[in-house]
Amino acid sequence: MTTTMTNISASDRDFLDGTAGFMTRYLRNRAYFTTCKEAYEHTERQYAELMGKPRYSSYESFRNNYSKFYRKKRK
């Protein structure tokens, strides 16, 4: 079940606000998991709880977007 934007916390609004929000949450979650994939899966579950569907179709899709995001950010 999806949630309206008025019913969620500021932290969750930031999380849902595009790629940057997802990547920020992923990096925060990374500190609590042994592998990057576990952190991604947890972040994806959090996103799906709020939006009713996953943000990325697979871990590989996420990794491609993660690489593009940080290459662009470094420029």
C-alpha atoms as a PDB file:
ATOM      1  CA  MET A   1       0.000   0.000   0.000  1.00  0.00           C
ATOM      2  CA  THR A   2       1.423   3.380  -0.938  1.00  0.00           C
ATOM      3  CA  THR A   3       1.503   6.350   1.365  1.00  0.00           C
ATOM      4  CA  THR A   4       0.606   9.920   0.515  1.00  0.00           C
ATOM      5  CA  MET A   5       3.478  12.381   0.722  1.00  0.00           C
ATOM      6  CA  THR A   6       1.771  14.270   3.555  1.00  0.00           C
ATOM      7  CA  ASN A   7       1.785  11.189   5.809  1.00  0.00           C
ATOM      8  CA  ILE A   8       5.520  10.490   5.744  1.00  0.00           C
ATOM      9  CA  SER A   9       8.481  11.899   7.613  1.00  0.00           C
ATOM     10  CA  ALA A  10      10.907  14.426   6.151  1.00  0.00           C
ATOM     11  CA  SER A  11      13.568  11.704   6.076  1.00  0.00           C
ATOM     12  CA  ASP A  12      11.328   9.448   3.992  1.00  0.00           C
ATOM     13  CA  ARG A  13      10.396  12.329   1.665  1.00  0.00           C
ATOM     14  CA  ASP A  14      14.117  12.873   1.036  1.00  0.00           C
ATOM     15  CA  PHE A  15      14.517   9.122   0.454  1.00  0.00           C
ATOM     16  CA  LEU A  16      11.758   9.121  -2.171  1.00  0.00           C
ATOM     17  CA  ASP A  17      13.064  12.257  -3.887  1.00  0.00           C
ATOM     18  CA  GLY A  18      14.813  10.692  -6.864  1.00  0.00           C
ATOM     19  CA  THR A  19      18.082   8.869  -7.263  1.00  0.00           C
ATOM     20  CA  ALA A  20      20.010  11.013  -4.777  1.00  0.00           C
ATOM     21  CA  GLY A  21      17.614  10.172  -1.963  1.00  0.00           C
ATOM     22  CA  PHE A  22      17.795   6.444  -2.661  1.00  0.00           C
ATOM     23  CA  MET A  23      21.606   6.525  -2.852  1.00  0.00           C
ATOM     24  CA  THR A  24      21.863   8.466   0.401  1.00  0.00           C
ATOM     25  CA  ARG A  25      19.655   5.945   2.197  1.00  0.00           C
ATOM     26  CA  TYR A  26      21.608   3.069   0.652  1.00  0.00           C
ATOM     27  CA  LEU A  27      24.908   4.509   1.896  1.00  0.00           C
ATOM     28  CA  ARG A  28      23.443   5.003   5.383  1.00  0.00           C
ATOM     29  CA  ASN A  29      22.176   1.411   5.391  1.00  0.00           C
ATOM     30  CA  ARG A  30      25.548   0.167   4.108  1.00  0.00           C
ATOM     31  CA  ALA A  31      27.055   0.734   7.560  1.00  0.00           C
ATOM     32  CA  TYR A  32      24.728  -1.897   9.045  1.00  0.00           C
ATOM     33  CA  PHE A  33      25.236  -4.752   6.567  1.00  0.00           C
ATOM     34  CA  THR A  34      28.126  -7.007   5.641  1.00  0.00           C
ATOM     35  CA  THR A  35      27.714  -6.680   1.873  1.00  0.00           C
ATOM     36  CA  CYS A  36      26.621  -4.002  -0.538  1.00  0.00           C
ATOM     37  CA  LYS A  37      23.950  -6.324  -1.892  1.00  0.00           C
ATOM     38  CA  GLU A  38      22.409  -6.804   1.574  1.00  0.00           C
ATOM     39  CA  ALA A  39      22.318  -3.027   2.067  1.00  0.00           C
ATOM     40  CA  TYR A  40      20.709  -2.604  -1.366  1.00  0.00           C
ATOM     41  CA  GLU A  41      18.079  -5.272  -0.639  1.00  0.00           C
ATOM     42  CA  HIS A  42      17.197  -3.629   2.676  1.00  0.00           C
ATOM     43  CA  THR A  43      16.973  -0.183   1.043  1.00  0.00           C
ATOM     44  CA  GLU A  44      14.820  -1.603  -1.730  1.00  0.00           C
ATOM     45  CA  ARG A  45      12.449  -3.172   0.853  1.00  0.00           C
ATOM     46  CA  GLN A  46      12.152   0.194   2.603  1.00  0.00           C
ATOM     47  CA  TYR A  47      11.341   1.875  -0.709  1.00  0.00           C
ATOM     48  CA  ALA A  48       8.783  -0.785  -1.641  1.00  0.00           C
ATOM     49  CA  GLU A  49       7.053  -0.418   1.740  1.00  0.00           C
ATOM     50  CA  LEU A  50       6.493   3.261   0.986  1.00  0.00           C
ATOM     51  CA  MET A  51       5.798   3.101  -2.745  1.00  0.00           C
ATOM     52  CA  GLY A  52       4.293  -0.335  -3.238  1.00  0.00           C
ATOM     53  CA  LYS A  53       6.941  -1.414  -5.757  1.00  0.00           C
ATOM     54  CA  PRO A  54      10.732  -1.588  -5.954  1.00  0.00           C
ATOM     55  CA  ARG A  55      12.714   1.301  -7.410  1.00  0.00           C
ATOM     56  CA  TYR A  56      15.105  -0.907  -9.414  1.00  0.00           C
ATOM     57  CA  SER A  57      14.343  -4.104 -11.294  1.00  0.00           C
ATOM     58  CA  SER A  58      17.458  -5.900 -10.023  1.00  0.00           C
ATOM     59  CA  TYR A  59      20.693  -5.477  -8.105  1.00  0.00           C
ATOM     60  CA  GLU A  60      22.540  -5.166 -11.420  1.00  0.00           C
ATOM     61  CA  SER A  61      20.248  -2.323 -12.482  1.00  0.00           C
ATOM     62  CA  PHE A  62      20.914  -0.578  -9.185  1.00  0.00           C
ATOM     63  CA  ARG A  63      24.694  -1.018  -9.561  1.00  0.00           C
ATOM     64  CA  ASN A  64      24.598   0.520 -13.057  1.00  0.00           C
ATOM     65  CA  ASN A  65      22.635   3.515 -11.774  1.00  0.00           C
ATOM     66  CA  TYR A  66      24.872   3.813  -8.711  1.00  0.00           C
ATOM     67  CA  SER A  67      27.951   4.002 -10.960  1.00  0.00           C
ATOM     68  CA  LYS A  68      26.362   6.587 -13.270  1.00  0.00           C
ATOM     69  CA  PHE A  69      25.175   8.682 -10.330  1.00  0.00           C
ATOM     70  CA  TYR A  70      28.602   8.901  -8.713  1.00  0.00           C
ATOM     71  CA  ARG A  71      30.478   9.448 -11.976  1.00  0.00           C
ATOM     72  CA  LYS A  72      28.186  12.402 -12.671  1.00  0.00           C
ATOM     73  CA  LYS A  73      28.500  13.667  -9.106  1.00  0.00           C
ATOM     74  CA  ARG A  74      32.324  13.696  -9.271  1.00  0.00           C
ATOM     75  CA  LYS A  75      32.394  15.915 -12.378  1.00  0.00           C
END
